[in-house]
PDB file of N, CA and C in Angstrom:
ATOM      1  N   MET A   1       0.699  -1.300   0.108  1.00  0.00           N
ATOM      2  CA  MET A   1       0.110  -0.189   0.033  1.00  0.00           C
ATOM      3  C   MET A   1       0.993   1.149  -0.197  1.00  0.00           C
ATOM      4  N   ALA A   2       0.490   2.301  -0.432  1.00  0.00           N
ATOM      5  CA  ALA A   2       0.991   3.512  -0.779  1.00  0.00           C
ATOM      6  C   ALA A   2       0.956   4.095   0.553  1.00  0.00           C
ATOM      7  N   THR A   3       1.938   5.223   0.480  1.00  0.00           N
ATOM      8  CA  THR A   3       2.075   6.600   1.774  1.00  0.00           C
ATOM      9  C   THR A   3       1.408   7.896   1.070  1.00  0.00           C
ATOM     10  N   LEU A   4       1.598   8.924   1.794  1.00  0.00           N
ATOM     11  CA  LEU A   4       1.338  10.429   1.442  1.00  0.00           C
ATOM     12  C   LEU A   4       2.009  11.091   2.625  1.00  0.00           C
ATOM     13  N   SER A   5       2.505  11.832   1.994  1.00  0.00           N
ATOM     14  CA  SER A   5       2.938  13.392   3.067  1.00  0.00           C
ATOM     15  C   SER A   5       2.519  14.546   1.992  1.00  0.00           C
ATOM     16  N   THR A   6       2.766  15.707   2.316  1.00  0.00           N
ATOM     17  CA  THR A   6       2.049  17.272   1.734  1.00  0.00           C
ATOM     18  C   THR A   6       3.076  18.126   2.726  1.00  0.00           C
ATOM     19  N   HIS A   7       3.021  19.391   1.890  1.00  0.00           N
ATOM     20  CA  HIS A   7       3.678  20.562   2.343  1.00  0.00           C
ATOM     21  C   HIS A   7       2.781  21.702   1.674  1.00  0.00           C
ATOM     22  N   VAL A   8       2.688  22.918   2.332  1.00  0.00           N
ATOM     23  CA  VAL A   8       2.297  23.928   1.629  1.00  0.00           C
ATOM     24  C   VAL A   8       3.516  25.008   2.005  1.00  0.00           C
ATOM     25  N   LEU A   9       3.461  25.747   0.707  1.00  0.00           N
ATOM     26  CA  LEU A   9       4.448  26.773   0.501  1.00  0.00           C
ATOM     27  C   LEU A   9       4.097  28.396   0.500  1.00  0.00           C
ATOM     28  N   ASP A  10       4.067  29.302   1.025  1.00  0.00           N
ATOM     29  CA  ASP A  10       3.436  30.448   0.875  1.00  0.00           C
ATOM     30  C   ASP A  10       4.523  31.459  -0.076  1.00  0.00           C
ATOM     31  N   THR A  11       4.271  30.982  -1.338  1.00  0.00           N
ATOM     32  CA  THR A  11       5.187  31.878  -2.427  1.00  0.00           C
ATOM     33  C   THR A  11       5.447  33.420  -2.170  1.00  0.00           C
ATOM     34  N   ALA A  12       3.958  34.138  -1.880  1.00  0.00           N
ATOM     35  CA  ALA A  12       4.221  35.630  -1.766  1.00  0.00           C
ATOM     36  C   ALA A  12       5.154  35.890  -0.578  1.00  0.00           C
ATOM     37  N   ALA A  13       4.887  34.950   0.601  1.00  0.00           N
ATOM     38  CA  ALA A  13       5.538  35.118   2.000  1.00  0.00           C
ATOM     39  C   ALA A  13       7.140  34.997   1.690  1.00  0.00           C
ATOM     40  N   GLY A  14       7.496  33.768   0.979  1.00  0.00           N
ATOM     41  CA  GLY A  14       8.736  33.533   0.889  1.00  0.00           C
ATOM     42  C   GLY A  14       9.016  32.260   1.898  1.00  0.00           C
ATOM     43  N   ARG A  15       7.595  32.006   2.656  1.00  0.00           N
ATOM     44  CA  ARG A  15       8.171  30.819   3.645  1.00  0.00           C
ATOM     45  C   ARG A  15       6.908  29.903   3.530  1.00  0.00           C
ATOM     46  N   PRO A  16       7.481  28.776   4.411  1.00  0.00           N
ATOM     47  CA  PRO A  16       6.531  27.606   4.691  1.00  0.00           C
ATOM     48  C   PRO A  16       5.154  28.264   4.993  1.00  0.00           C
ATOM     49  N   ALA A  17       3.883  27.642   4.785  1.00  0.00           N
ATOM     50  CA  ALA A  17       2.580  28.269   5.205  1.00  0.00           C
ATOM     51  C   ALA A  17       2.254  26.951   6.579  1.00  0.00           C
ATOM     52  N   ALA A  18       2.497  27.372   7.829  1.00  0.00           N
ATOM     53  CA  ALA A  18       2.197  26.925   8.895  1.00  0.00           C
ATOM     54  C   ALA A  18       0.516  27.005   9.216  1.00  0.00           C
ATOM     55  N   GLY A  19       0.060  25.989  10.052  1.00  0.00           N
ATOM     56  CA  GLY A  19      -1.338  26.219  10.704  1.00  0.00           C
ATOM     57  C   GLY A  19      -2.577  25.867   9.330  1.00  0.00           C
ATOM     58  N   VAL A  20      -2.090  25.261   8.451  1.00  0.00           N
ATOM     59  CA  VAL A  20      -2.771  24.857   7.346  1.00  0.00           C
ATOM     60  C   VAL A  20      -3.487  23.521   7.828  1.00  0.00           C
ATOM     61  N   ASP A  21      -4.913  23.338   7.699  1.00  0.00           N
ATOM     62  CA  ASP A  21      -5.680  22.081   7.901  1.00  0.00           C
ATOM     63  C   ASP A  21      -5.418  21.582   6.615  1.00  0.00           C
ATOM     64  N   VAL A  22      -5.533  20.234   6.428  1.00  0.00           N
ATOM     65  CA  VAL A  22      -5.067  19.334   5.488  1.00  0.00           C
ATOM     66  C   VAL A  22      -5.818  18.087   5.863  1.00  0.00           C
ATOM     67  N   VAL A  23      -7.116  17.797   4.719  1.00  0.00           N
ATOM     68  CA  VAL A  23      -7.936  16.375   5.003  1.00  0.00           C
ATOM     69  C   VAL A  23      -7.636  15.624   3.555  1.00  0.00           C
ATOM     70  N   LEU A  24      -7.587  14.216   4.093  1.00  0.00           N
ATOM     71  CA  LEU A  24      -7.343  13.214   2.659  1.00  0.00           C
ATOM     72  C   LEU A  24      -8.560  12.466   2.883  1.00  0.00           C
ATOM     73  N   GLU A  25      -8.962  12.716   1.579  1.00  0.00           N
ATOM     74  CA  GLU A  25     -10.541  11.941   1.456  1.00  0.00           C
ATOM     75  C   GLU A  25     -10.291  10.692   0.277  1.00  0.00           C
ATOM     76  N   SER A  26     -11.342   9.976   0.455  1.00  0.00           N
ATOM     77  CA  SER A  26     -11.057   9.093  -0.863  1.00  0.00           C
ATOM     78  C   SER A  26     -12.259   9.713  -1.973  1.00  0.00           C
ATOM     79  N   ALA A  27     -12.026   8.716  -3.094  1.00  0.00           N
ATOM     80  CA  ALA A  27     -13.141   9.401  -4.065  1.00  0.00           C
ATOM     81  C   ALA A  27     -14.263   9.606  -3.917  1.00  0.00           C
ATOM     82  N   ASP A  28     -15.154   8.931  -2.872  1.00  0.00           N
ATOM     83  CA  ASP A  28     -16.122   9.064  -2.539  1.00  0.00           C
ATOM     84  C   ASP A  28     -16.471   9.792  -1.372  1.00  0.00           C
ATOM     85  N   GLY A  29     -15.641  10.716  -0.791  1.00  0.00           N
ATOM     86  CA  GLY A  29     -15.819  11.804   0.240  1.00  0.00           C
ATOM     87  C   GLY A  29     -15.683  11.014   1.524  1.00  0.00           C
ATOM     88  N   ALA A  30     -15.012  10.177   1.916  1.00  0.00           N
ATOM     89  CA  ALA A  30     -14.791   9.513   3.170  1.00  0.00           C
ATOM     90  C   ALA A  30     -13.692  10.053   3.659  1.00  0.00           C
ATOM     91  N   VAL A  31     -13.294  10.711   4.795  1.00  0.00           N
ATOM     92  CA  VAL A  31     -12.399  11.245   5.324  1.00  0.00           C
ATOM     93  C   VAL A  31     -11.574   9.947   5.948  1.00  0.00           C
ATOM     94  N   LEU A  32     -10.205   9.930   5.256  1.00  0.00           N
ATOM     95  CA  LEU A  32      -9.274   8.810   5.613  1.00  0.00           C
ATOM     96  C   LEU A  32      -8.051   9.483   6.466  1.00  0.00           C
ATOM     97  N   ALA A  33      -7.514  10.878   6.563  1.00  0.00           N
ATOM     98  CA  ALA A  33      -6.969  11.523   7.692  1.00  0.00           C
ATOM     99  C   ALA A  33      -7.058  12.637   7.357  1.00  0.00           C
ATOM    100  N   SER A  34      -6.566  13.412   8.561  1.00  0.00           N
ATOM    101  CA  SER A  34      -6.164  14.688   8.679  1.00  0.00           C
ATOM    102  C   SER A  34      -5.254  15.168   9.321  1.00  0.00           C
ATOM    103  N   GLY A  35      -4.611  16.526   9.162  1.00  0.00           N
ATOM    104  CA  GLY A  35      -3.244  16.866   9.839  1.00  0.00           C
ATOM    105  C   GLY A  35      -3.595  18.203   9.636  1.00  0.00           C
ATOM    106  N   THR A  36      -2.421  19.140  10.506  1.00  0.00           N
ATOM    107  CA  THR A  36      -2.172  20.488  10.342  1.00  0.00           C
ATOM    108  C   THR A  36      -0.644  20.795   9.914  1.00  0.00           C
ATOM    109  N   THR A  37      -0.277  21.629   8.885  1.00  0.00           N
ATOM    110  CA  THR A  37       0.656  21.888   8.518  1.00  0.00           C
ATOM    111  C   THR A  37       1.632  22.268   9.830  1.00  0.00           C
ATOM    112  N   ASP A  38       3.034  21.792  10.226  1.00  0.00           N
ATOM    113  CA  ASP A  38       3.699  22.367  11.271  1.00  0.00           C
ATOM    114  C   ASP A  38       4.560  23.642  10.708  1.00  0.00           C
ATOM    115  N   ALA A  39       5.563  24.104  11.390  1.00  0.00           N
ATOM    116  CA  ALA A  39       6.054  25.442  11.275  1.00  0.00           C
ATOM    117  C   ALA A  39       6.758  25.542   9.872  1.00  0.00           C
ATOM    118  N   ASP A  40       7.133  24.089   9.600  1.00  0.00           N
ATOM    119  CA  ASP A  40       8.075  23.827   8.326  1.00  0.00           C
ATOM    120  C   ASP A  40       6.853  23.705   6.969  1.00  0.00           C
ATOM    121  N   GLY A  41       5.460  23.988   7.217  1.00  0.00           N
ATOM    122  CA  GLY A  41       4.435  23.767   6.332  1.00  0.00           C
ATOM    123  C   GLY A  41       4.318  22.477   6.114  1.00  0.00           C
ATOM    124  N   ARG A  42       4.880  21.528   6.868  1.00  0.00           N
ATOM    125  CA  ARG A  42       4.603  19.798   6.329  1.00  0.00           C
ATOM    126  C   ARG A  42       3.397  19.033   7.112  1.00  0.00           C
ATOM    127  N   VAL A  43       2.886  17.960   6.733  1.00  0.00           N
ATOM    128  CA  VAL A  43       2.421  17.021   7.570  1.00  0.00           C
ATOM    129  C   VAL A  43       3.348  15.781   6.969  1.00  0.00           C
ATOM    130  N   GLY A  44       3.660  15.422   7.508  1.00  0.00           N
ATOM    131  CA  GLY A  44       4.636  14.258   7.098  1.00  0.00           C
ATOM    132  C   GLY A  44       4.469  12.906   6.776  1.00  0.00           C
ATOM    133  N   ALA A  45       3.324  12.343   7.863  1.00  0.00           N
ATOM    134  CA  ALA A  45       2.606  11.135   7.516  1.00  0.00           C
ATOM    135  C   ALA A  45       0.839  10.862   7.569  1.00  0.00           C
ATOM    136  N   LEU A  46       0.653  11.811   6.788  1.00  0.00           N
ATOM    137  CA  LEU A  46      -0.809  11.751   6.233  1.00  0.00           C
ATOM    138  C   LEU A  46      -1.662  10.992   5.903  1.00  0.00           C
ATOM    139  N   GLY A  47      -1.161   9.849   5.109  1.00  0.00           N
ATOM    140  CA  GLY A  47      -2.020   8.585   4.756  1.00  0.00           C
ATOM    141  C   GLY A  47      -0.982   7.712   4.695  1.00  0.00           C
ATOM    142  N   GLU A  48      -1.137   6.579   5.299  1.00  0.00           N
ATOM    143  CA  GLU A  48      -0.439   5.309   5.227  1.00  0.00           C
ATOM    144  C   GLU A  48      -1.611   4.173   4.730  1.00  0.00           C
ATOM    145  N   ASP A  49      -0.904   3.301   3.987  1.00  0.00           N
ATOM    146  CA  ASP A  49      -1.980   1.926   3.340  1.00  0.00           C
ATOM    147  C   ASP A  49      -2.911   2.335   2.592  1.00  0.00           C
ATOM    148  N   LEU A  50      -2.548   3.536   1.834  1.00  0.00           N
ATOM    149  CA  LEU A  50      -3.989   4.243   0.676  1.00  0.00           C
ATOM    150  C   LEU A  50      -3.700   2.949  -0.470  1.00  0.00           C
ATOM    151  N   ALA A  51      -5.075   2.883  -0.690  1.00  0.00           N
ATOM    152  CA  ALA A  51      -5.520   1.799  -1.839  1.00  0.00           C
ATOM    153  C   ALA A  51      -4.903   2.518  -3.224  1.00  0.00           C
ATOM    154  N   PRO A  52      -5.296   1.477  -4.176  1.00  0.00           N
ATOM    155  CA  PRO A  52      -5.171   2.503  -5.342  1.00  0.00           C
ATOM    156  C   PRO A  52      -6.386   3.019  -5.595  1.00  0.00           C
ATOM    157  N   GLY A  53      -6.400   4.290  -6.445  1.00  0.00           N
ATOM    158  CA  GLY A  53      -7.510   4.972  -6.843  1.00  0.00           C
ATOM    159  C   GLY A  53      -7.327   6.620  -6.703  1.00  0.00           C
ATOM    160  N   VAL A  54      -8.323   7.051  -6.760  1.00  0.00           N
ATOM    161  CA  VAL A  54      -8.493   8.437  -6.802  1.00  0.00           C
ATOM    162  C   VAL A  54      -8.713   8.937  -5.070  1.00  0.00           C
ATOM    163  N   HIS A  55      -7.762   9.895  -5.095  1.00  0.00           N
ATOM    164  CA  HIS A  55      -7.932  10.568  -3.700  1.00  0.00           C
ATOM    165  C   HIS A  55      -8.015  11.994  -3.769  1.00  0.00           C
ATOM    166  N   ARG A  56      -8.358  12.564  -2.575  1.00  0.00           N
ATOM    167  CA  ARG A  56      -8.278  14.399  -2.614  1.00  0.00           C
ATOM    168  C   ARG A  56      -7.412  14.628  -1.479  1.00  0.00           C
ATOM    169  N   LEU A  57      -6.761  15.711  -1.618  1.00  0.00           N
ATOM    170  CA  LEU A  57      -6.248  16.375  -0.635  1.00  0.00           C
ATOM    171  C   LEU A  57      -6.888  17.627  -0.577  1.00  0.00           C
ATOM    172  N   ARG A  58      -7.812  18.268   0.614  1.00  0.00           N
ATOM    173  CA  ARG A  58      -8.362  19.357   0.786  1.00  0.00           C
ATOM    174  C   ARG A  58      -7.976  20.407   1.982  1.00  0.00           C
ATOM    175  N   PHE A  59      -7.294  21.517   1.346  1.00  0.00           N
ATOM    176  CA  PHE A  59      -6.491  22.340   2.102  1.00  0.00           C
ATOM    177  C   PHE A  59      -7.484  23.609   2.683  1.00  0.00           C
ATOM    178  N   THR A  60      -7.681  24.292   3.775  1.00  0.00           N
ATOM    179  CA  THR A  60      -7.998  25.339   4.084  1.00  0.00           C
ATOM    180  C   THR A  60      -6.741  26.054   4.142  1.00  0.00           C
ATOM    181  N   THR A  61      -7.102  26.899   3.152  1.00  0.00           N
ATOM    182  CA  THR A  61      -6.190  28.040   3.004  1.00  0.00           C
ATOM    183  C   THR A  61      -6.503  29.547   3.119  1.00  0.00           C
ATOM    184  N   ALA A  62      -7.602  29.812   3.831  1.00  0.00           N
ATOM    185  CA  ALA A  62      -8.014  31.312   3.683  1.00  0.00           C
ATOM    186  C   ALA A  62      -7.159  32.126   4.304  1.00  0.00           C
ATOM    187  N   ALA A  63      -6.077  31.784   5.475  1.00  0.00           N
ATOM    188  CA  ALA A  63      -5.442  32.364   5.891  1.00  0.00           C
ATOM    189  C   ALA A  63      -4.384  33.017   5.119  1.00  0.00           C
ATOM    190  N   HIS A  64      -3.891  32.156   4.194  1.00  0.00           N
ATOM    191  CA  HIS A  64      -2.681  32.463   3.375  1.00  0.00           C
ATOM    192  C   HIS A  64      -3.153  32.855   1.839  1.00  0.00           C
ATOM    193  N   SER A  65      -4.738  33.070   1.519  1.00  0.00           N
ATOM    194  CA  SER A  65      -5.131  33.642   0.412  1.00  0.00           C
ATOM    195  C   SER A  65      -6.701  33.777   0.306  1.00  0.00           C
ATOM    196  N   PRO A  66      -6.508  35.247   0.067  1.00  0.00           N
ATOM    197  CA  PRO A  66      -7.803  36.011   0.307  1.00  0.00           C
ATOM    198  C   PRO A  66      -8.776  35.428  -0.907  1.00  0.00           C
ATOM    199  N   PHE A  67      -8.311  34.976  -2.033  1.00  0.00           N
ATOM    200  CA  PHE A  67      -9.320  34.567  -2.977  1.00  0.00           C
ATOM    201  C   PHE A  67      -9.392  33.061  -3.064  1.00  0.00           C
ATOM    202  N   TYR A  68      -8.674  32.251  -2.491  1.00  0.00           N
ATOM    203  CA  TYR A  68      -8.619  30.862  -2.263  1.00  0.00           C
ATOM    204  C   TYR A  68      -9.375  30.517  -0.864  1.00  0.00           C
ATOM    205  N   PRO A  69     -10.101  30.209  -0.458  1.00  0.00           N
ATOM    206  CA  PRO A  69     -10.336  29.792   1.128  1.00  0.00           C
ATOM    207  C   PRO A  69      -9.986  28.227   1.310  1.00  0.00           C
ATOM    208  N   GLU A  70     -10.382  27.657  -0.120  1.00  0.00           N
ATOM    209  CA  GLU A  70     -10.064  26.032   0.045  1.00  0.00           C
ATOM    210  C   GLU A  70      -9.172  25.712  -1.291  1.00  0.00           C
ATOM    211  N   VAL A  71      -8.367  24.740  -1.126  1.00  0.00           N
ATOM    212  CA  VAL A  71      -7.735  24.311  -2.333  1.00  0.00           C
ATOM    213  C   VAL A  71      -8.239  22.828  -1.954  1.00  0.00           C
ATOM    214  N   VAL A  72      -8.495  22.175  -3.253  1.00  0.00           N
ATOM    215  CA  VAL A  72      -8.895  20.520  -3.190  1.00  0.00           C
ATOM    216  C   VAL A  72      -8.057  19.911  -4.666  1.00  0.00           C
ATOM    217  N   VAL A  73      -7.228  19.195  -3.992  1.00  0.00           N
ATOM    218  CA  VAL A  73      -5.961  18.622  -5.085  1.00  0.00           C
ATOM    219  C   VAL A  73      -6.242  17.111  -5.071  1.00  0.00           C
ATOM    220  N   ALA A  74      -7.247  16.618  -6.408  1.00  0.00           N
ATOM    221  CA  ALA A  74      -7.222  15.209  -6.534  1.00  0.00           C
ATOM    222  C   ALA A  74      -6.120  14.690  -7.414  1.00  0.00           C
ATOM    223  N   PHE A  75      -5.828  13.560  -7.181  1.00  0.00           N
ATOM    224  CA  PHE A  75      -4.884  12.612  -7.930  1.00  0.00           C
ATOM    225  C   PHE A  75      -4.661  11.146  -7.395  1.00  0.00           C
ATOM    226  N   VAL A  76      -4.212  10.172  -8.194  1.00  0.00           N
ATOM    227  CA  VAL A  76      -4.327   8.997  -8.600  1.00  0.00           C
ATOM    228  C   VAL A  76      -3.217   8.326  -7.558  1.00  0.00           C
ATOM    229  N   VAL A  77      -3.449   7.411  -6.790  1.00  0.00           N
ATOM    230  CA  VAL A  77      -2.549   6.339  -6.437  1.00  0.00           C
ATOM    231  C   VAL A  77      -2.553   5.287  -7.321  1.00  0.00           C
ATOM    232  N   GLY A  78      -1.213   4.585  -7.789  1.00  0.00           N
ATOM    233  CA  GLY A  78      -1.511   3.642  -8.438  1.00  0.00           C
ATOM    234  C   GLY A  78      -0.633   2.300  -8.038  1.00  0.00           C
ATOM    235  N   ASP A  79       0.067   2.486  -7.166  1.00  0.00           N
ATOM    236  CA  ASP A  79       1.041   1.544  -6.493  1.00  0.00           C
ATOM    237  C   ASP A  79       1.660   1.382  -5.383  1.00  0.00           C
ATOM    238  N   ASP A  80       2.542   0.838  -4.834  1.00  0.00           N
ATOM    239  CA  ASP A  80       3.251   0.943  -3.808  1.00  0.00           C
ATOM    240  C   ASP A  80       4.280   1.643  -3.388  1.00  0.00           C
ATOM    241  N   ASP A  81       4.026   3.083  -3.602  1.00  0.00           N
ATOM    242  CA  ASP A  81       4.942   4.034  -3.532  1.00  0.00           C
ATOM    243  C   ASP A  81       4.465   4.968  -2.684  1.00  0.00           C
ATOM    244  N   HIS A  82       5.429   6.016  -2.452  1.00  0.00           N
ATOM    245  CA  HIS A  82       5.156   7.323  -1.549  1.00  0.00           C
ATOM    246  C   HIS A  82       4.940   8.455  -2.143  1.00  0.00           C
ATOM    247  N   TYR A  83       3.855   8.937  -1.973  1.00  0.00           N
ATOM    248  CA  TYR A  83       3.283   9.976  -2.619  1.00  0.00           C
ATOM    249  C   TYR A  83       3.769  11.473  -2.000  1.00  0.00           C
ATOM    250  N   HIS A  84       3.887  12.387  -2.622  1.00  0.00           N
ATOM    251  CA  HIS A  84       4.130  13.548  -1.638  1.00  0.00           C
ATOM    252  C   HIS A  84       3.727  14.659  -2.422  1.00  0.00           C
ATOM    253  N   VAL A  85       2.650  15.032  -2.146  1.00  0.00           N
ATOM    254  CA  VAL A  85       1.916  16.478  -3.140  1.00  0.00           C
ATOM    255  C   VAL A  85       2.149  17.821  -2.472  1.00  0.00           C
ATOM    256  N   PRO A  86       2.886  18.657  -3.061  1.00  0.00           N
ATOM    257  CA  PRO A  86       3.215  19.919  -2.370  1.00  0.00           C
ATOM    258  C   PRO A  86       1.981  20.823  -2.882  1.00  0.00           C
ATOM    259  N   LEU A  87       1.713  21.892  -2.138  1.00  0.00           N
ATOM    260  CA  LEU A  87       1.213  23.153  -2.628  1.00  0.00           C
ATOM    261  C   LEU A  87       1.728  24.100  -2.514  1.00  0.00           C
ATOM    262  N   LEU A  88       1.663  24.879  -3.532  1.00  0.00           N
ATOM    263  CA  LEU A  88       2.430  26.238  -3.799  1.00  0.00           C
ATOM    264  C   LEU A  88       1.256  27.253  -3.897  1.00  0.00           C
ATOM    265  N   LEU A  89       1.093  28.014  -2.896  1.00  0.00           N
ATOM    266  CA  LEU A  89       0.329  29.082  -2.638  1.00  0.00           C
ATOM    267  C   LEU A  89       0.825  30.333  -2.371  1.00  0.00           C
ATOM    268  N   SER A  90      -0.154  31.381  -3.398  1.00  0.00           N
ATOM    269  CA  SER A  90      -0.284  32.979  -3.307  1.00  0.00           C
ATOM    270  C   SER A  90      -1.430  33.449  -2.985  1.00  0.00           C
ATOM    271  N   PRO A  91      -1.461  34.600  -2.871  1.00  0.00           N
ATOM    272  CA  PRO A  91      -3.033  35.249  -2.871  1.00  0.00           C
ATOM    273  C   PRO A  91      -3.919  34.949  -3.645  1.00  0.00           C
ATOM    274  N   PHE A  92      -3.484  34.898  -5.030  1.00  0.00           N
ATOM    275  CA  PHE A  92      -4.449  34.761  -6.338  1.00  0.00           C
ATOM    276  C   PHE A  92      -3.724  33.816  -7.228  1.00  0.00           C
ATOM    277  N   GLY A  93      -3.506  32.721  -6.533  1.00  0.00           N
ATOM    278  CA  GLY A  93      -2.870  31.561  -7.452  1.00  0.00           C
ATOM    279  C   GLY A  93      -2.282  30.456  -6.796  1.00  0.00           C
ATOM    280  N   TYR A  94      -2.415  29.153  -7.334  1.00  0.00           N
ATOM    281  CA  TYR A  94      -1.684  28.324  -6.482  1.00  0.00           C
ATOM    282  C   TYR A  94      -1.281  27.102  -7.656  1.00  0.00           C
ATOM    283  N   SER A  95      -0.019  26.328  -7.233  1.00  0.00           N
ATOM    284  CA  SER A  95       0.044  25.405  -8.179  1.00  0.00           C
ATOM    285  C   SER A  95       0.299  23.980  -7.447  1.00  0.00           C
ATOM    286  N   THR A  96       0.540  23.035  -7.867  1.00  0.00           N
ATOM    287  CA  THR A  96       0.754  21.546  -7.331  1.00  0.00           C
ATOM    288  C   THR A  96       1.601  20.859  -8.393  1.00  0.00           C
ATOM    289  N   TYR A  97       2.170  19.615  -7.851  1.00  0.00           N
ATOM    290  CA  TYR A  97       2.839  18.593  -8.614  1.00  0.00           C
ATOM    291  C   TYR A  97       3.098  17.496  -7.733  1.00  0.00           C
ATOM    292  N   ARG A  98       3.783  16.361  -8.180  1.00  0.00           N
ATOM    293  CA  ARG A  98       4.245  15.069  -7.454  1.00  0.00           C
ATOM    294  C   ARG A  98       5.515  15.442  -7.157  1.00  0.00           C
ATOM    295  N   GLY A  99       5.705  15.783  -5.856  1.00  0.00           N
ATOM    296  CA  GLY A  99       7.077  15.710  -5.196  1.00  0.00           C
ATOM    297  C   GLY A  99       7.811  14.159  -5.064  1.00  0.00           C
ATOM    298  N   SER A 100       8.904  14.321  -4.334  1.00  0.00           N
ATOM    299  CA  SER A 100       9.448  12.878  -3.961  1.00  0.00           C
ATOM    300  C   SER A 100       9.706  13.288  -2.501  1.00  0.00           C
TER     301      SER A 100
END
């Protein structure tokens, strides 16, 4: 089974985004895990033993973005690997990618 971690960077401030609530959901909306980013903007072990399929990370970003109070990132787990899904956040934009 796969594992998951994430982190959030506030690109406008040039530092990690601490205190962001993150919820991991399955494709049907069931909550699998949750956490809050630490001082380094990370949630280290958010998901363990993830089954293959579509999952969502729901970030509560209102404290760091006046335009995006929430960001939802859907991604596919396909194997027994580690997945790292960073969120780069600014007041009026965001991006994400599969990290390492």
